[in-house]
Amino acid sequence: MKFRPLGAKVLVKRAEAETQTTSGIYLPESAAEKPQQAKVIAVGDGKPIDGGQRSDLQVKIGDRVLIGKWGGTDVKVDDEEMLIMDESDILGVVE
């Protein structure tokens, strides 16, 4: 299924949660923290501005970004857990 967010919305997929600590202890799924790093899967066409124009988004498909732990709306696209969020909820791009 193809999905295209509207406006300044962005579709991201969280990175996989760590299942083992740096000291080698395996974590149960319930104890693992939500990762704050995600990959941009799809972007909208920008926020409307004066004169019928749309502002360009600062992120693009394929970017690795930092997001808040509790931001966005959980959705399932092609049986994969993803998040839809406003571009303004993205904290930054990882380079």
PDB file of N, CA and C in Angstrom:
ATOM      1  N   MET A   1       0.839  -1.166   0.000  1.00  0.00           N
ATOM      2  CA  MET A   1       0.000   0.000   0.000  1.00  0.00           C
ATOM      3  C   MET A   1       0.892   1.240   0.000  1.00  0.00           C
ATOM      4  N   LYS A   2       0.563   2.196  -0.823  1.00  0.00           N
ATOM      5  CA  LYS A   2       1.281   3.471  -0.824  1.00  0.00           C
ATOM      6  C   LYS A   2       0.546   4.414   0.116  1.00  0.00           C
ATOM      7  N   PHE A   3       1.328   5.202   0.839  1.00  0.00           N
ATOM      8  CA  PHE A   3       0.754   6.155   1.782  1.00  0.00           C
ATOM      9  C   PHE A   3       1.443   7.488   1.605  1.00  0.00           C
ATOM     10  N   ARG A   4       0.660   8.561   1.450  1.00  0.00           N
ATOM     11  CA  ARG A   4       1.216   9.906   1.304  1.00  0.00           C
ATOM     12  C   ARG A   4       0.602  10.793   2.368  1.00  0.00           C
ATOM     13  N   PRO A   5       1.415  11.250   3.333  1.00  0.00           N
ATOM     14  CA  PRO A   5       0.895  12.160   4.353  1.00  0.00           C
ATOM     15  C   PRO A   5       0.464  13.487   3.730  1.00  0.00           C
ATOM     16  N   LEU A   6      -0.444  14.166   4.381  1.00  0.00           N
ATOM     17  CA  LEU A   6      -0.930  15.454   3.896  1.00  0.00           C
ATOM     18  C   LEU A   6      -0.251  16.604   4.636  1.00  0.00           C
ATOM     19  N   GLY A   7      -0.125  17.736   3.977  1.00  0.00           N
ATOM     20  CA  GLY A   7       0.420  18.940   4.598  1.00  0.00           C
ATOM     21  C   GLY A   7       1.841  18.753   5.100  1.00  0.00           C
ATOM     22  N   ALA A   8       2.084  19.164   6.336  1.00  0.00           N
ATOM     23  CA  ALA A   8       3.425  19.088   6.929  1.00  0.00           C
ATOM     24  C   ALA A   8       3.587  17.835   7.785  1.00  0.00           C
ATOM     25  N   LYS A   9       2.839  16.789   7.458  1.00  0.00           N
ATOM     26  CA  LYS A   9       2.939  15.523   8.186  1.00  0.00           C
ATOM     27  C   LYS A   9       4.054  14.660   7.594  1.00  0.00           C
ATOM     28  N   VAL A  10       4.620  13.796   8.449  1.00  0.00           N
ATOM     29  CA  VAL A  10       5.713  12.917   8.051  1.00  0.00           C
ATOM     30  C   VAL A  10       5.412  11.523   8.579  1.00  0.00           C
ATOM     31  N   LEU A  11       5.656  10.494   7.771  1.00  0.00           N
ATOM     32  CA  LEU A  11       5.519   9.099   8.186  1.00  0.00           C
ATOM     33  C   LEU A  11       6.906   8.569   8.500  1.00  0.00           C
ATOM     34  N   VAL A  12       7.111   8.082   9.729  1.00  0.00           N
ATOM     35  CA  VAL A  12       8.413   7.563  10.128  1.00  0.00           C
ATOM     36  C   VAL A  12       8.270   6.157  10.691  1.00  0.00           C
ATOM     37  N   LYS A  13       9.368   5.415  10.636  1.00  0.00           N
ATOM     38  CA  LYS A  13       9.424   4.079  11.225  1.00  0.00           C
ATOM     39  C   LYS A  13      10.510   4.102  12.286  1.00  0.00           C
ATOM     40  N   ARG A  14      10.127   3.792  13.528  1.00  0.00           N
ATOM     41  CA  ARG A  14      11.099   3.767  14.623  1.00  0.00           C
ATOM     42  C   ARG A  14      12.160   2.702  14.386  1.00  0.00           C
ATOM     43  N   ALA A  15      13.365   2.984  14.865  1.00  0.00           N
ATOM     44  CA  ALA A  15      14.434   1.993  14.835  1.00  0.00           C
ATOM     45  C   ALA A  15      14.044   0.866  15.789  1.00  0.00           C
ATOM     46  N   GLU A  16      14.643  -0.288  15.621  1.00  0.00           N
ATOM     47  CA  GLU A  16      14.357  -1.429  16.487  1.00  0.00           C
ATOM     48  C   GLU A  16      14.846  -1.152  17.902  1.00  0.00           C
ATOM     49  N   ALA A  17      14.083  -1.584  18.891  1.00  0.00           N
ATOM     50  CA  ALA A  17      14.463  -1.408  20.290  1.00  0.00           C
ATOM     51  C   ALA A  17      15.620  -2.343  20.629  1.00  0.00           C
ATOM     52  N   GLU A  18      16.514  -1.856  21.476  1.00  0.00           N
ATOM     53  CA  GLU A  18      17.639  -2.671  21.930  1.00  0.00           C
ATOM     54  C   GLU A  18      17.115  -3.820  22.780  1.00  0.00           C
ATOM     55  N   THR A  19      17.587  -5.035  22.511  1.00  0.00           N
ATOM     56  CA  THR A  19      17.163  -6.193  23.292  1.00  0.00           C
ATOM     57  C   THR A  19      18.237  -6.647  24.270  1.00  0.00           C
ATOM     58  N   GLN A  20      19.395  -5.981  24.217  1.00  0.00           N
ATOM     59  CA  GLN A  20      20.498  -6.351  25.095  1.00  0.00           C
ATOM     60  C   GLN A  20      21.221  -5.087  25.553  1.00  0.00           C
ATOM     61  N   THR A  21      21.574  -5.034  26.832  1.00  0.00           N
ATOM     62  CA  THR A  21      22.299  -3.880  27.346  1.00  0.00           C
ATOM     63  C   THR A  21      23.760  -3.973  26.919  1.00  0.00           C
ATOM     64  N   THR A  22      24.507  -2.895  27.125  1.00  0.00           N
ATOM     65  CA  THR A  22      25.924  -2.901  26.769  1.00  0.00           C
ATOM     66  C   THR A  22      26.716  -3.894  27.610  1.00  0.00           C
ATOM     67  N   SER A  23      26.205  -4.234  28.785  1.00  0.00           N
ATOM     68  CA  SER A  23      26.898  -5.214  29.632  1.00  0.00           C
ATOM     69  C   SER A  23      26.493  -6.649  29.314  1.00  0.00           C
ATOM     70  N   GLY A  24      25.574  -6.841  28.361  1.00  0.00           N
ATOM     71  CA  GLY A  24      25.221  -8.177  27.901  1.00  0.00           C
ATOM     72  C   GLY A  24      23.941  -8.742  28.479  1.00  0.00           C
ATOM     73  N   ILE A  25      23.206  -7.982  29.256  1.00  0.00           N
ATOM     74  CA  ILE A  25      21.959  -8.464  29.843  1.00  0.00           C
ATOM     75  C   ILE A  25      20.842  -8.327  28.813  1.00  0.00           C
ATOM     76  N   TYR A  26      20.091  -9.422  28.616  1.00  0.00           N
ATOM     77  CA  TYR A  26      18.972  -9.393  27.677  1.00  0.00           C
ATOM     78  C   TYR A  26      17.745  -8.796  28.352  1.00  0.00           C
ATOM     79  N   LEU A  27      17.078  -7.886  27.654  1.00  0.00           N
ATOM     80  CA  LEU A  27      15.911  -7.201  28.181  1.00  0.00           C
ATOM     81  C   LEU A  27      14.632  -7.828  27.647  1.00  0.00           C
ATOM     82  N   PRO A  28      13.631  -8.022  28.513  1.00  0.00           N
ATOM     83  CA  PRO A  28      12.334  -8.459  27.986  1.00  0.00           C
ATOM     84  C   PRO A  28      11.704  -7.322  27.197  1.00  0.00           C
ATOM     85  N   GLU A  29      10.822  -7.654  26.302  1.00  0.00           N
ATOM     86  CA  GLU A  29      10.199  -6.641  25.440  1.00  0.00           C
ATOM     87  C   GLU A  29       9.504  -5.555  26.248  1.00  0.00           C
ATOM     88  N   SER A  30       8.932  -5.909  27.379  1.00  0.00           N
ATOM     89  CA  SER A  30       8.211  -4.937  28.202  1.00  0.00           C
ATOM     90  C   SER A  30       9.153  -3.935  28.868  1.00  0.00           C
ATOM     91  N   ALA A  31      10.430  -4.266  29.020  1.00  0.00           N
ATOM     92  CA  ALA A  31      11.383  -3.375  29.688  1.00  0.00           C
ATOM     93  C   ALA A  31      12.156  -2.505  28.702  1.00  0.00           C
ATOM     94  N   ALA A  32      12.079  -2.813  27.432  1.00  0.00           N
ATOM     95  CA  ALA A  32      12.838  -2.059  26.432  1.00  0.00           C
ATOM     96  C   ALA A  32      12.217  -0.670  26.241  1.00  0.00           C
ATOM     97  N   GLU A  33      13.065   0.353  26.141  1.00  0.00           N
ATOM     98  CA  GLU A  33      12.585   1.718  25.911  1.00  0.00           C
ATOM     99  C   GLU A  33      12.270   1.918  24.435  1.00  0.00           C
ATOM    100  N   LYS A  34      11.343   2.830  24.168  1.00  0.00           N
ATOM    101  CA  LYS A  34      11.043   3.174  22.783  1.00  0.00           C
ATOM    102  C   LYS A  34      12.249   3.907  22.207  1.00  0.00           C
ATOM    103  N   PRO A  35      12.751   3.476  21.067  1.00  0.00           N
ATOM    104  CA  PRO A  35      13.869   4.191  20.457  1.00  0.00           C
ATOM    105  C   PRO A  35      13.436   5.589  20.008  1.00  0.00           C
ATOM    106  N   GLN A  36      14.358   6.541  20.095  1.00  0.00           N
ATOM    107  CA  GLN A  36      14.053   7.898  19.672  1.00  0.00           C
ATOM    108  C   GLN A  36      14.572   8.180  18.272  1.00  0.00           C
ATOM    109  N   GLN A  37      15.185   7.195  17.640  1.00  0.00           N
ATOM    110  CA  GLN A  37      15.665   7.380  16.287  1.00  0.00           C
ATOM    111  C   GLN A  37      14.698   6.693  15.328  1.00  0.00           C
ATOM    112  N   ALA A  38      14.440   7.338  14.190  1.00  0.00           N
ATOM    113  CA  ALA A  38      13.495   6.801  13.217  1.00  0.00           C
ATOM    114  C   ALA A  38      13.964   7.144  11.812  1.00  0.00           C
ATOM    115  N   LYS A  39      13.388   6.442  10.837  1.00  0.00           N
ATOM    116  CA  LYS A  39      13.691   6.681   9.430  1.00  0.00           C
ATOM    117  C   LYS A  39      12.448   7.265   8.770  1.00  0.00           C
ATOM    118  N   VAL A  40      12.641   8.323   7.979  1.00  0.00           N
ATOM    119  CA  VAL A  40      11.522   8.957   7.279  1.00  0.00           C
ATOM    120  C   VAL A  40      11.124   8.074   6.095  1.00  0.00           C
ATOM    121  N   ILE A  41       9.870   7.680   6.065  1.00  0.00           N
ATOM    122  CA  ILE A  41       9.342   6.803   5.015  1.00  0.00           C
ATOM    123  C   ILE A  41       8.605   7.598   3.943  1.00  0.00           C
ATOM    124  N   ALA A  42       7.836   8.605   4.352  1.00  0.00           N
ATOM    125  CA  ALA A  42       7.072   9.427   3.406  1.00  0.00           C
ATOM    126  C   ALA A  42       6.877  10.821   4.001  1.00  0.00           C
ATOM    127  N   VAL A  43       6.749  11.817   3.145  1.00  0.00           N
ATOM    128  CA  VAL A  43       6.529  13.195   3.588  1.00  0.00           C
ATOM    129  C   VAL A  43       5.351  13.800   2.838  1.00  0.00           C
ATOM    130  N   GLY A  44       4.707  14.763   3.475  1.00  0.00           N
ATOM    131  CA  GLY A  44       3.607  15.486   2.844  1.00  0.00           C
ATOM    132  C   GLY A  44       4.141  16.541   1.884  1.00  0.00           C
ATOM    133  N   ASP A  45       3.239  17.359   1.356  1.00  0.00           N
ATOM    134  CA  ASP A  45       3.644  18.356   0.371  1.00  0.00           C
ATOM    135  C   ASP A  45       3.901  19.733   0.978  1.00  0.00           C
ATOM    136  N   GLY A  46       3.930  19.852   2.299  1.00  0.00           N
ATOM    137  CA  GLY A  46       4.285  21.108   2.954  1.00  0.00           C
ATOM    138  C   GLY A  46       3.091  21.854   3.509  1.00  0.00           C
ATOM    139  N   LYS A  47       3.393  22.787   4.374  1.00  0.00           N
ATOM    140  CA  LYS A  47       2.369  23.597   5.025  1.00  0.00           C
ATOM    141  C   LYS A  47       1.963  24.743   4.096  1.00  0.00           C
ATOM    142  N   PRO A  48       0.659  25.013   3.961  1.00  0.00           N
ATOM    143  CA  PRO A  48       0.223  26.127   3.100  1.00  0.00           C
ATOM    144  C   PRO A  48       0.708  27.476   3.651  1.00  0.00           C
ATOM    145  N   ILE A  49       1.189  28.319   2.760  1.00  0.00           N
ATOM    146  CA  ILE A  49       1.607  29.677   3.132  1.00  0.00           C
ATOM    147  C   ILE A  49       0.882  30.663   2.222  1.00  0.00           C
ATOM    148  N   ASP A  50       1.166  31.932   2.359  1.00  0.00           N
ATOM    149  CA  ASP A  50       0.475  32.970   1.585  1.00  0.00           C
ATOM    150  C   ASP A  50       0.591  32.746   0.078  1.00  0.00           C
ATOM    151  N   GLY A  51      -0.437  33.141  -0.646  1.00  0.00           N
ATOM    152  CA  GLY A  51      -0.425  33.093  -2.098  1.00  0.00           C
ATOM    153  C   GLY A  51      -0.642  31.712  -2.680  1.00  0.00           C
ATOM    154  N   GLY A  52      -1.141  30.755  -1.886  1.00  0.00           N
ATOM    155  CA  GLY A  52      -1.389  29.421  -2.399  1.00  0.00           C
ATOM    156  C   GLY A  52      -0.152  28.550  -2.511  1.00  0.00           C
ATOM    157  N   GLN A  53       0.982  29.058  -2.103  1.00  0.00           N
ATOM    158  CA  GLN A  53       2.230  28.277  -2.136  1.00  0.00           C
ATOM    159  C   GLN A  53       2.289  27.344  -0.931  1.00  0.00           C
ATOM    160  N   ARG A  54       3.230  26.404  -0.965  1.00  0.00           N
ATOM    161  CA  ARG A  54       3.463  25.491   0.154  1.00  0.00           C
ATOM    162  C   ARG A  54       4.928  25.573   0.546  1.00  0.00           C
ATOM    163  N   SER A  55       5.192  25.579   1.838  1.00  0.00           N
ATOM    164  CA  SER A  55       6.579  25.616   2.309  1.00  0.00           C
ATOM    165  C   SER A  55       7.210  24.237   2.123  1.00  0.00           C
ATOM    166  N   ASP A  56       8.503  24.207   1.827  1.00  0.00           N
ATOM    167  CA  ASP A  56       9.214  22.948   1.681  1.00  0.00           C
ATOM    168  C   ASP A  56       9.483  22.355   3.054  1.00  0.00           C
ATOM    169  N   LEU A  57       9.418  21.032   3.141  1.00  0.00           N
ATOM    170  CA  LEU A  57       9.752  20.358   4.394  1.00  0.00           C
ATOM    171  C   LEU A  57      11.270  20.284   4.531  1.00  0.00           C
ATOM    172  N   GLN A  58      11.758  20.265   5.757  1.00  0.00           N
ATOM    173  CA  GLN A  58      13.190  20.217   6.009  1.00  0.00           C
ATOM    174  C   GLN A  58      13.731  18.791   6.034  1.00  0.00           C
ATOM    175  N   VAL A  59      12.853  17.802   6.031  1.00  0.00           N
ATOM    176  CA  VAL A  59      13.287  16.404   5.987  1.00  0.00           C
ATOM    177  C   VAL A  59      12.864  15.799   4.663  1.00  0.00           C
ATOM    178  N   LYS A  60      13.547  14.733   4.288  1.00  0.00           N
ATOM    179  CA  LYS A  60      13.207  14.038   3.038  1.00  0.00           C
ATOM    180  C   LYS A  60      13.187  12.536   3.295  1.00  0.00           C
ATOM    181  N   ILE A  61      12.633  11.798   2.373  1.00  0.00           N
ATOM    182  CA  ILE A  61      12.547  10.345   2.500  1.00  0.00           C
ATOM    183  C   ILE A  61      13.952   9.776   2.649  1.00  0.00           C
ATOM    184  N   GLY A  62      14.108   8.876   3.621  1.00  0.00           N
ATOM    185  CA  GLY A  62      15.389   8.229   3.861  1.00  0.00           C
ATOM    186  C   GLY A  62      16.199   8.863   4.978  1.00  0.00           C
ATOM    187  N   ASP A  63      15.849  10.081   5.402  1.00  0.00           N
ATOM    188  CA  ASP A  63      16.571  10.729   6.502  1.00  0.00           C
ATOM    189  C   ASP A  63      16.388   9.946   7.792  1.00  0.00           C
ATOM    190  N   ARG A  64      17.445   9.927   8.614  1.00  0.00           N
ATOM    191  CA  ARG A  64      17.350   9.395   9.975  1.00  0.00           C
ATOM    192  C   ARG A  64      17.130  10.592  10.884  1.00  0.00           C
ATOM    193  N   VAL A  65      16.098  10.518  11.704  1.00  0.00           N
ATOM    194  CA  VAL A  65      15.720  11.653  12.538  1.00  0.00           C
ATOM    195  C   VAL A  65      15.581  11.238  13.995  1.00  0.00           C
ATOM    196  N   LEU A  66      15.651  12.235  14.885  1.00  0.00           N
ATOM    197  CA  LEU A  66      15.377  12.036  16.300  1.00  0.00           C
ATOM    198  C   LEU A  66      13.972  12.534  16.588  1.00  0.00           C
ATOM    199  N   ILE A  67      13.208  11.718  17.309  1.00  0.00           N
ATOM    200  CA  ILE A  67      11.834  12.067  17.651  1.00  0.00           C
ATOM    201  C   ILE A  67      11.643  11.904  19.151  1.00  0.00           C
ATOM    202  N   GLY A  68      10.611  12.516  19.688  1.00  0.00           N
ATOM    203  CA  GLY A  68      10.283  12.352  21.099  1.00  0.00           C
ATOM    204  C   GLY A  68       9.755  10.948  21.362  1.00  0.00           C
ATOM    205  N   LYS A  69       9.857  10.510  22.606  1.00  0.00           N
ATOM    206  CA  LYS A  69       9.403   9.159  22.952  1.00  0.00           C
ATOM    207  C   LYS A  69       7.904   8.979  22.794  1.00  0.00           C
ATOM    208  N   TRP A  70       7.136  10.042  23.024  1.00  0.00           N
ATOM    209  CA  TRP A  70       5.690   9.890  23.049  1.00  0.00           C
ATOM    210  C   TRP A  70       4.973  10.685  21.962  1.00  0.00           C
ATOM    211  N   GLY A  71       5.685  11.191  20.970  1.00  0.00           N
ATOM    212  CA  GLY A  71       5.063  11.982  19.923  1.00  0.00           C
ATOM    213  C   GLY A  71       4.461  11.128  18.826  1.00  0.00           C
ATOM    214  N   GLY A  72       3.645  11.733  18.016  1.00  0.00           N
ATOM    215  CA  GLY A  72       3.092  11.072  16.842  1.00  0.00           C
ATOM    216  C   GLY A  72       1.884  10.199  17.126  1.00  0.00           C
ATOM    217  N   THR A  73       1.321   9.683  16.052  1.00  0.00           N
ATOM    218  CA  THR A  73       0.177   8.783  16.117  1.00  0.00           C
ATOM    219  C   THR A  73       0.586   7.440  15.535  1.00  0.00           C
ATOM    220  N   ASP A  74       0.426   6.370  16.311  1.00  0.00           N
ATOM    221  CA  ASP A  74       0.780   5.034  15.845  1.00  0.00           C
ATOM    222  C   ASP A  74      -0.176   4.577  14.755  1.00  0.00           C
ATOM    223  N   VAL A  75       0.371   4.053  13.659  1.00  0.00           N
ATOM    224  CA  VAL A  75      -0.425   3.492  12.569  1.00  0.00           C
ATOM    225  C   VAL A  75       0.239   2.209  12.099  1.00  0.00           C
ATOM    226  N   LYS A  76      -0.532   1.379  11.418  1.00  0.00           N
ATOM    227  CA  LYS A  76       0.000   0.152  10.844  1.00  0.00           C
ATOM    228  C   LYS A  76      -0.131   0.253   9.330  1.00  0.00           C
ATOM    229  N   VAL A  77       1.002   0.222   8.626  1.00  0.00           N
ATOM    230  CA  VAL A  77       1.021   0.284   7.172  1.00  0.00           C
ATOM    231  C   VAL A  77       1.723  -0.968   6.671  1.00  0.00           C
ATOM    232  N   ASP A  78       1.039  -1.767   5.875  1.00  0.00           N
ATOM    233  CA  ASP A  78       1.594  -3.030   5.371  1.00  0.00           C
ATOM    234  C   ASP A  78       2.129  -3.887   6.517  1.00  0.00           C
ATOM    235  N   ASP A  79       1.360  -4.011   7.594  1.00  0.00           N
ATOM    236  CA  ASP A  79       1.697  -4.816   8.775  1.00  0.00           C
ATOM    237  C   ASP A  79       2.968  -4.359   9.476  1.00  0.00           C
ATOM    238  N   GLU A  80       3.369  -3.104   9.307  1.00  0.00           N
ATOM    239  CA  GLU A  80       4.517  -2.549  10.007  1.00  0.00           C
ATOM    240  C   GLU A  80       4.050  -1.390  10.865  1.00  0.00           C
ATOM    241  N   GLU A  81       4.557  -1.339  12.102  1.00  0.00           N
ATOM    242  CA  GLU A  81       4.222  -0.244  13.013  1.00  0.00           C
ATOM    243  C   GLU A  81       4.989   1.010  12.607  1.00  0.00           C
ATOM    244  N   MET A  82       4.291   2.114  12.412  1.00  0.00           N
ATOM    245  CA  MET A  82       4.898   3.383  12.026  1.00  0.00           C
ATOM    246  C   MET A  82       4.223   4.510  12.790  1.00  0.00           C
ATOM    247  N   LEU A  83       4.744   5.719  12.620  1.00  0.00           N
ATOM    248  CA  LEU A  83       4.191   6.903  13.269  1.00  0.00           C
ATOM    249  C   LEU A  83       3.926   7.983  12.230  1.00  0.00           C
ATOM    250  N   ILE A  84       2.811   8.682  12.393  1.00  0.00           N
ATOM    251  CA  ILE A  84       2.555   9.883  11.602  1.00  0.00           C
ATOM    252  C   ILE A  84       2.721  11.050  12.573  1.00  0.00           C
ATOM    253  N   MET A  85       3.536  12.030  12.189  1.00  0.00           N
ATOM    254  CA  MET A  85       3.770  13.173  13.067  1.00  0.00           C
ATOM    255  C   MET A  85       3.945  14.435  12.262  1.00  0.00           C
ATOM    256  N   ASP A  86       3.747  15.562  12.936  1.00  0.00           N
ATOM    257  CA  ASP A  86       4.030  16.848  12.310  1.00  0.00           C
ATOM    258  C   ASP A  86       5.540  17.001  12.165  1.00  0.00           C
ATOM    259  N   GLU A  87       5.965  17.677  11.131  1.00  0.00           N
ATOM    260  CA  GLU A  87       7.391  17.915  10.953  1.00  0.00           C
ATOM    261  C   GLU A  87       7.954  18.667  12.154  1.00  0.00           C
ATOM    262  N   SER A  88       7.169  19.532  12.760  1.00  0.00           N
ATOM    263  CA  SER A  88       7.633  20.298  13.908  1.00  0.00           C
ATOM    264  C   SER A  88       7.902  19.426  15.143  1.00  0.00           C
ATOM    265  N   ASP A  89       7.378  18.191  15.163  1.00  0.00           N
ATOM    266  CA  ASP A  89       7.625  17.264  16.274  1.00  0.00           C
ATOM    267  C   ASP A  89       8.956  16.540  16.126  1.00  0.00           C
ATOM    268  N   ILE A  90       9.596  16.662  14.979  1.00  0.00           N
ATOM    269  CA  ILE A  90      10.900  16.030  14.761  1.00  0.00           C
ATOM    270  C   ILE A  90      11.956  16.932  15.402  1.00  0.00           C
ATOM    271  N   LEU A  91      12.810  16.333  16.227  1.00  0.00           N
ATOM    272  CA  LEU A  91      13.805  17.101  16.976  1.00  0.00           C
ATOM    273  C   LEU A  91      15.011  17.470  16.128  1.00  0.00           C
ATOM    274  N   GLY A  92      15.387  16.629  15.172  1.00  0.00           N
ATOM    275  CA  GLY A  92      16.542  16.917  14.338  1.00  0.00           C
ATOM    276  C   GLY A  92      16.857  15.761  13.417  1.00  0.00           C
ATOM    277  N   VAL A  93      17.771  16.006  12.488  1.00  0.00           N
ATOM    278  CA  VAL A  93      18.223  14.995  11.516  1.00  0.00           C
ATOM    279  C   VAL A  93      19.580  14.477  11.964  1.00  0.00           C
ATOM    280  N   VAL A  94      19.732  13.150  11.959  1.00  0.00           N
ATOM    281  CA  VAL A  94      21.010  12.521  12.314  1.00  0.00           C
ATOM    282  C   VAL A  94      21.840  12.409  11.037  1.00  0.00           C
ATOM    283  N   GLU A  95      23.058  12.973  11.069  1.00  0.00           N
ATOM    284  CA  GLU A  95      23.907  12.918   9.877  1.00  0.00           C
ATOM    285  C   GLU A  95      25.123  12.068  10.128  1.00  0.00           C
TER     286      GLU A  95
END
